Protein backbone atom coordinates (compact mmCIF):
# COMPACT_ATOMS: atom_id res chain seq x y z
CA UNK A 1 117.62 172.28 106.36
CA UNK A 2 114.89 169.89 107.01
CA UNK A 3 114.48 169.35 103.74
CA UNK A 4 117.69 168.42 102.53
CA UNK A 5 117.67 166.19 105.70
CA UNK A 6 114.18 164.58 104.01
CA UNK A 7 116.21 164.39 100.73
CA UNK A 8 119.49 162.72 102.03
CA UNK A 9 117.46 160.01 104.00
CA UNK A 10 115.02 159.82 100.72
CA UNK A 11 118.40 159.16 99.06
CA UNK A 12 120.00 156.57 101.50
CA UNK A 13 116.53 154.64 101.78
CA UNK A 14 116.60 154.29 97.93
CA UNK A 15 120.28 153.34 97.71
CA UNK A 16 119.38 150.40 100.25
CA UNK A 17 116.32 149.30 98.12
CA UNK A 18 118.64 149.42 95.27
CA UNK A 19 121.64 147.63 97.17
CA UNK A 20 118.59 144.78 98.13
CA UNK A 21 117.77 144.40 94.85
CA UNK A 22 120.88 143.96 93.13
CA UNK A 23 122.27 141.70 96.13
CA UNK A 24 119.22 139.21 96.09
CA UNK A 25 117.90 140.18 99.40
CA UNK A 26 114.55 138.02 100.57
CA UNK A 27 111.26 140.02 100.02
CA UNK A 28 111.27 141.32 103.71
CA UNK A 29 112.07 144.52 101.86
CA UNK A 30 114.55 146.78 103.02
CA UNK A 31 114.66 145.11 106.82
CA UNK A 32 115.68 141.93 105.06
CA UNK A 33 118.61 143.39 103.72
CA UNK A 34 119.84 143.82 107.16
CA UNK A 35 118.99 140.65 107.77
CA UNK A 36 121.62 139.07 109.10
CA UNK A 37 120.39 135.29 109.42
CA UNK A 38 121.91 132.55 108.28
CA UNK A 39 120.28 131.54 104.53
CA UNK A 40 119.81 128.37 103.12
CA UNK A 41 119.64 127.79 99.56
CA UNK A 42 116.69 124.99 98.59
CA UNK A 43 116.07 124.05 94.83
CA UNK A 44 113.12 122.31 94.34
CA UNK A 45 110.57 120.75 91.73
CA UNK A 46 107.76 123.79 91.34
CA UNK A 47 104.52 123.18 93.04
CA UNK A 48 106.37 120.99 95.13
CA UNK A 49 105.77 121.75 99.12
CA UNK A 50 103.03 122.93 101.05
CA UNK A 51 103.08 126.47 100.80
CA UNK A 52 100.33 127.55 103.72
CA UNK A 53 97.67 127.37 100.82
CA UNK A 54 94.15 126.42 101.54
CA UNK A 55 95.24 126.40 105.27
CA UNK A 56 98.40 123.85 104.52
CA UNK A 57 101.45 124.24 106.81
CA UNK A 58 103.82 126.52 105.15
CA UNK A 59 106.77 124.69 105.43
CA UNK A 60 109.39 127.07 104.63
CA UNK A 61 108.13 129.77 107.21
CA UNK A 62 107.75 127.38 109.72
CA UNK A 63 111.49 125.97 109.14
CA UNK A 64 112.68 129.65 109.57
CA UNK A 65 111.00 130.67 113.08
CA UNK A 66 112.03 127.07 114.38
CA UNK A 67 115.57 127.31 113.53
CA UNK A 68 116.11 131.16 112.45
CA UNK A 69 117.92 130.48 109.53
CA UNK A 70 116.33 132.18 106.38
CA UNK A 71 115.48 130.23 103.20
CA UNK A 72 116.01 131.20 99.77
CA UNK A 73 113.88 128.84 97.90
CA UNK A 74 113.87 128.54 93.89
CA UNK A 75 112.52 125.89 91.66
CA UNK A 76 113.27 124.09 88.61
CA UNK A 77 111.16 122.41 85.67
CA UNK A 78 112.96 119.34 85.05
CA UNK A 79 116.51 117.19 86.74
CA UNK A 80 118.65 117.97 83.83
CA UNK A 81 117.71 121.67 84.54
CA UNK A 82 118.90 121.68 87.93
CA UNK A 83 121.87 119.44 87.17
CA UNK A 84 123.13 122.08 84.79
CA UNK A 85 122.71 124.75 87.33
CA UNK A 86 124.73 122.45 90.03
CA UNK A 87 127.28 121.00 87.15
CA UNK A 88 128.11 124.48 85.87
CA UNK A 89 128.33 126.46 89.02
CA UNK A 90 125.89 128.75 87.50
CA UNK A 91 123.85 128.36 90.74
CA UNK A 92 124.43 128.40 94.58
CA UNK A 93 122.55 126.08 96.21
CA UNK A 94 122.62 123.68 99.27
CA UNK A 95 119.51 121.71 99.34
CA UNK A 96 118.36 120.05 96.22
CA UNK A 97 115.63 117.34 95.72
CA UNK A 98 116.47 115.30 91.95
CA UNK A 99 114.96 112.30 91.28
CA UNK A 100 116.67 108.74 91.77
CA UNK A 101 118.52 108.45 88.49
CA UNK A 102 119.88 111.74 88.76
CA UNK A 103 121.02 111.29 92.53
CA UNK A 104 122.83 108.46 91.12
CA UNK A 105 124.55 110.21 88.58
CA UNK A 106 125.25 112.92 90.73
CA UNK A 107 126.75 110.95 93.33
CA UNK A 108 128.84 109.51 90.63
CA UNK A 109 130.04 112.66 89.47
CA UNK A 110 131.12 113.65 93.36
CA UNK A 111 128.58 116.40 93.22
CA UNK A 112 126.71 115.49 96.62
CA UNK A 113 128.12 116.00 99.99
CA UNK A 114 127.63 112.54 102.05
CA UNK A 115 124.98 113.40 104.96
CA UNK A 116 125.61 113.09 109.03
CA UNK A 117 122.72 111.49 109.71
CA UNK A 118 123.29 112.36 113.37
CA UNK A 119 122.11 115.38 112.36
CA UNK A 120 118.81 113.86 110.79
CA UNK A 121 117.32 111.70 113.74
CA UNK A 122 114.05 112.00 112.07
CA UNK A 123 114.95 109.79 109.02
CA UNK A 124 114.13 106.37 111.41
CA UNK A 125 110.72 107.34 110.16
CA UNK A 126 111.63 106.17 106.32
CA UNK A 127 110.13 103.12 105.87
CA UNK A 128 112.56 100.18 105.08
CA UNK A 129 111.40 99.76 101.53
CA UNK A 130 112.29 103.01 100.88
CA UNK A 131 116.27 102.32 101.61
CA UNK A 132 118.91 100.66 100.17
CA UNK A 133 117.57 101.60 96.53
CA UNK A 134 120.19 100.80 93.81
CA UNK A 135 120.57 105.06 93.14
CA UNK A 136 122.04 105.17 96.47
CA UNK A 137 122.37 101.75 97.76
CA UNK A 138 124.25 102.78 101.24
CA UNK A 139 121.76 105.17 101.86
CA UNK A 140 124.57 108.17 102.45
CA UNK A 141 123.94 110.83 100.58
CA UNK A 142 119.90 111.44 99.98
CA UNK A 143 116.95 110.94 102.11
CA UNK A 144 113.56 109.74 100.42
CA UNK A 145 110.74 112.99 100.17
CA UNK A 146 108.25 111.45 97.75
CA UNK A 147 107.23 108.74 95.62
CA UNK A 148 105.26 107.51 92.87
CA UNK A 149 104.33 105.85 89.78
CA UNK A 150 103.59 106.97 85.83
CA UNK A 151 100.37 106.34 84.09
CA UNK A 152 97.68 107.44 81.64
CA UNK A 153 95.03 110.29 82.38
CA UNK A 154 92.18 110.64 80.28
CA UNK A 155 88.73 112.46 79.99
CA UNK A 156 85.75 109.82 80.50
CA UNK A 157 83.60 111.69 78.00
CA UNK A 158 86.26 112.34 75.22
CA UNK A 159 87.70 108.51 74.99
CA UNK A 160 85.11 105.35 74.22
CA UNK A 161 85.38 102.90 77.34
CA UNK A 162 86.35 100.33 74.92
CA UNK A 163 89.73 102.01 74.06
CA UNK A 164 90.87 102.12 78.06
CA UNK A 165 89.79 98.43 78.79
CA UNK A 166 93.18 96.70 78.02
CA UNK A 167 94.55 99.50 80.03
CA UNK A 168 97.71 100.10 77.80
CA UNK A 169 100.21 102.36 76.86
CA UNK A 170 98.78 101.75 73.39
CA UNK A 171 96.30 104.42 74.25
CA UNK A 172 98.95 106.95 73.67
CA UNK A 173 99.43 105.89 69.98
CA UNK A 174 95.39 105.45 68.99
CA UNK A 175 95.17 107.25 65.93
CA UNK A 176 91.35 107.93 66.69
CA UNK A 177 92.54 110.91 69.01
CA UNK A 178 95.17 112.15 66.98
CA UNK A 179 95.67 115.97 68.19
CA UNK A 180 94.33 115.26 71.62
CA UNK A 181 97.10 113.21 72.98
CA UNK A 182 99.75 114.98 75.62
CA UNK A 183 103.00 113.70 75.84
CA UNK A 184 106.00 114.47 78.28
CA UNK A 185 108.44 117.20 77.55
CA UNK A 186 111.35 114.99 78.76
CA UNK A 187 113.58 112.37 77.59
CA UNK A 188 113.42 110.31 80.22
CA UNK A 189 109.93 109.85 80.72
CA UNK A 190 109.14 109.93 77.25
CA UNK A 191 111.80 107.15 76.32
CA UNK A 192 110.54 104.85 79.50
CA UNK A 193 107.27 104.50 78.01
CA UNK A 194 108.04 103.50 74.79
CA UNK A 195 110.78 101.21 76.13
CA UNK A 196 108.06 99.59 78.64
CA UNK A 197 105.15 99.41 75.63
CA UNK A 198 108.14 97.76 73.35
CA UNK A 199 108.73 95.12 76.26
CA UNK A 200 112.38 96.39 77.28
CA UNK A 201 113.70 97.59 80.70
CA UNK A 202 113.75 101.41 80.84
CA UNK A 203 117.30 101.19 81.92
CA UNK A 204 118.13 99.38 78.60
CA UNK A 205 121.65 99.91 77.72
CA UNK A 206 121.01 97.97 74.23
CA UNK A 207 121.37 100.85 71.61
CA UNK A 208 118.94 99.12 68.67
CA UNK A 209 116.71 98.96 71.60
CA UNK A 210 116.75 102.95 72.26
CA UNK A 211 116.77 103.21 68.21
CA UNK A 212 113.28 101.17 68.38
CA UNK A 213 111.87 103.38 70.94
CA UNK A 214 113.03 106.40 68.87
CA UNK A 215 111.32 105.14 66.12
CA UNK A 216 108.07 104.43 68.21
CA UNK A 217 107.71 107.81 69.58
CA UNK A 218 108.44 109.19 66.04
CA UNK A 219 105.26 107.27 65.24
CA UNK A 220 103.66 108.79 67.71
CA UNK A 221 104.46 112.48 66.82
CA UNK A 222 101.90 113.24 64.14
CA UNK A 223 99.06 112.52 66.95
CA UNK A 224 100.85 114.38 69.79
CA UNK A 225 99.19 117.99 70.30
CA UNK A 226 101.91 119.21 72.00
CA UNK A 227 104.63 117.92 74.71
CA UNK A 228 104.17 119.50 77.74
CA UNK A 229 105.12 118.97 81.86
CA UNK A 230 102.70 121.13 84.28
CA UNK A 231 101.03 122.47 81.49
CA UNK A 232 98.92 118.78 81.67
CA UNK A 233 97.08 120.60 84.41
CA UNK A 234 95.09 123.12 82.60
CA UNK A 235 94.86 121.49 79.22
CA UNK A 236 93.07 118.36 80.75
CA UNK A 237 91.18 120.41 82.94
CA UNK A 238 89.65 122.55 80.17
CA UNK A 239 89.33 119.52 77.85
CA UNK A 240 91.93 120.86 75.20
CA UNK A 241 93.39 117.53 75.44
CA UNK A 242 92.22 114.28 76.22
CA UNK A 243 94.73 111.92 76.69
CA UNK A 244 98.09 112.36 78.67
CA UNK A 245 100.76 110.57 80.69
CA UNK A 246 102.47 111.65 84.34
CA UNK A 247 102.74 111.18 88.00
CA UNK A 248 99.83 109.12 89.61
CA UNK A 249 100.17 111.54 92.58
CA UNK A 250 98.46 114.34 90.57
CA UNK A 251 95.03 112.32 90.08
CA UNK A 252 93.67 114.00 92.80
CA UNK A 253 94.05 117.22 91.47
CA UNK A 254 93.09 116.70 88.07
CA UNK A 255 90.02 114.73 88.99
CA UNK A 256 88.97 117.72 91.67
CA UNK A 257 89.25 119.98 88.97
CA UNK A 258 87.57 118.30 86.47
CA UNK A 259 85.62 114.70 87.58
CA UNK A 260 85.57 113.41 84.29
CA UNK A 261 89.44 112.71 84.19
CA UNK A 262 90.35 109.35 85.03
CA UNK A 263 93.46 107.40 86.02
CA UNK A 264 95.30 104.23 85.23
CA UNK A 265 98.38 102.34 85.40
CA UNK A 266 99.02 100.72 82.24
CA UNK A 267 99.65 96.78 82.73
CA UNK A 268 102.63 96.88 80.79
CA UNK A 269 104.64 97.91 83.60
CA UNK A 270 106.05 101.92 84.71
CA UNK A 271 107.92 103.97 86.11
CA UNK A 272 108.35 104.23 90.00
CA UNK A 273 110.03 107.13 90.48
CA UNK A 274 112.01 108.57 93.77
CA UNK A 275 112.73 112.17 94.49
CA UNK A 276 115.00 112.70 97.73
CA UNK A 277 116.48 115.13 99.15
CA UNK A 278 120.73 115.89 98.95
CA UNK A 279 123.10 118.14 99.63
CA UNK A 280 125.55 119.68 97.18
CA UNK A 281 128.90 119.36 97.51
CA UNK A 282 131.09 122.26 98.67
CA UNK A 283 128.02 123.89 100.93
CA UNK A 284 129.06 126.25 103.48
CA UNK A 285 125.47 125.31 105.09
CA UNK A 286 125.89 121.75 106.04
CA UNK A 287 124.57 121.54 109.11
CA UNK A 288 121.92 123.95 108.42
CA UNK A 289 120.95 121.81 105.09
CA UNK A 290 120.98 118.84 107.42
CA UNK A 291 118.50 120.75 109.95
CA UNK A 292 116.23 121.43 106.90
CA UNK A 293 115.99 117.78 105.76
CA UNK A 294 115.49 116.69 109.52
CA UNK A 295 112.65 118.66 109.62
CA UNK A 296 111.07 117.72 106.30
CA UNK A 297 110.92 113.97 107.66
CA UNK A 298 109.46 115.71 111.10
CA UNK A 299 105.56 113.90 110.82
CA UNK A 300 103.49 116.76 111.06
CA UNK A 301 105.43 118.23 108.08
CA UNK A 302 105.78 115.19 105.95
CA UNK A 303 102.57 114.44 106.00
CA UNK A 304 101.63 118.52 105.14
CA UNK A 305 103.66 118.01 101.97
CA UNK A 306 102.30 114.73 101.00
CA UNK A 307 98.42 116.20 101.43
CA UNK A 308 99.55 119.29 99.70
CA UNK A 309 101.58 117.65 96.37
CA UNK A 310 99.20 114.68 96.34
CA UNK A 311 102.38 112.30 95.94
CA UNK A 312 102.81 109.37 98.11
CA UNK A 313 104.87 109.46 101.38
CA UNK A 314 107.97 107.22 102.40
CA UNK A 315 107.24 108.52 105.99
CA UNK A 316 105.99 105.47 107.96
CA UNK A 317 104.30 107.56 110.52
CA UNK A 318 102.74 110.79 108.24
CA UNK A 319 101.78 107.39 106.05
CA UNK A 320 99.44 106.55 109.19
CA UNK A 321 98.13 109.99 109.70
CA UNK A 322 96.64 109.78 106.00
CA UNK A 323 93.00 109.92 105.64
CA UNK A 324 92.00 106.46 104.90
CA UNK A 325 90.34 106.74 101.64
CA UNK A 326 93.88 107.90 100.49
CA UNK A 327 95.82 105.16 102.11
CA UNK A 328 93.52 102.55 100.40
CA UNK A 329 93.76 104.00 96.82
CA UNK A 330 96.15 101.90 94.78
CA UNK A 331 96.74 105.01 92.51
CA UNK A 332 99.07 106.20 95.29
CA UNK A 333 99.96 102.92 97.26
CA UNK A 334 99.81 100.06 94.66
CA UNK A 335 100.15 96.50 96.15
CA UNK A 336 103.45 94.57 95.77
CA UNK A 337 102.01 92.70 92.41
CA UNK A 338 101.51 96.25 90.50
CA UNK A 339 105.04 97.94 91.75
CA UNK A 340 106.88 94.31 91.03
CA UNK A 341 106.16 95.58 87.04
CA UNK A 342 107.65 98.93 87.64
CA UNK A 343 110.90 100.07 87.36
CA UNK A 344 112.96 102.57 89.05
CA UNK A 345 115.36 104.69 86.70
CA UNK A 346 118.91 104.20 87.07
CA UNK A 347 121.71 106.28 85.99
CA UNK A 348 122.90 105.43 82.41
CA UNK A 349 125.90 104.64 81.01
CA UNK A 350 127.67 107.91 79.18
CA UNK A 351 127.35 106.68 75.90
CA UNK A 352 123.86 105.72 76.26
CA UNK A 353 122.77 109.38 77.87
CA UNK A 354 124.50 110.81 75.05
CA UNK A 355 122.22 108.70 72.22
CA UNK A 356 119.43 109.46 73.99
CA UNK A 357 119.85 113.42 74.05
CA UNK A 358 120.90 113.33 70.43
CA UNK A 359 117.31 111.08 69.54
CA UNK A 360 115.67 113.10 71.65
CA UNK A 361 116.88 116.36 69.78
CA UNK A 362 116.27 114.71 66.32
CA UNK A 363 112.86 113.65 67.72
CA UNK A 364 111.72 117.53 68.58
CA UNK A 365 113.30 118.90 65.29
CA UNK A 366 112.19 116.67 62.52
């Protein structure tokens, strides 16, 4: 009898575990399967939130404890990947953190909820320079999370000093470094760089200019070792490559891994990007989602995220709390003279988006 009972309990336990895996319960094991807390699905970039590593604040854990809401946190690698998931309905998400042009695109397509700012009182700490931006001109659908610029990383022991004196995008086309150059593996950033090198707007709607940008990228392709995103960190740190474009905030991370890695913002100008917190249209957890956004705007949380990710914060109080050396570093907080040469990506017209996609496929498959 005892043996039969034990077998029954074991069978029920196994069934519970199988159900837990089948239904996607949290990592809390069997206990997680019986967790009756509200669940909030958050979709963010990889490595883009303070997670408790190296004594940093575990933001998700802190939010769960404060509000008794369980967070199902997953990540994406590009705006386009995130957009396809939302557009197709393949993912059930509540809070997402897209970039500027994608926010505008999703607003235009009715994919985002208007925010109730009565539930986001900490929005008052977002600086005026980061509001009323073109991608959300009436500040109705998004709250800025982090921002930055795009520039060039290079290894000072592998690149000759005279080749970086001009501080230009030209370095990415220098034949001397063939096979040692990395390039963005996403069309918006790659074409944006080509446009700036040509002296055009990154938001050009002129098809001839897009064709010119394509020709420039095709000219560069034989020099490119690989088209990458996060792989840049290992490749540059291990000196497998000498030159790469990437986001300015990552200068702290890369130089810590390899002190020979330097950064500059090209004189021709660059992209000034914003990543913003939004709520997906049709969510059943809107109030909980707004609590999460408000929590992310608490000063200590905004500080923790900025320090962990190393990107610039739009939060006025968190900025004051940053180490002085960070606040005064022009890589992370450029002066207006530099920022005036930068552009924020806009959502391009459908025909230009289609052209960009076609040219990118042509480039990658050529």
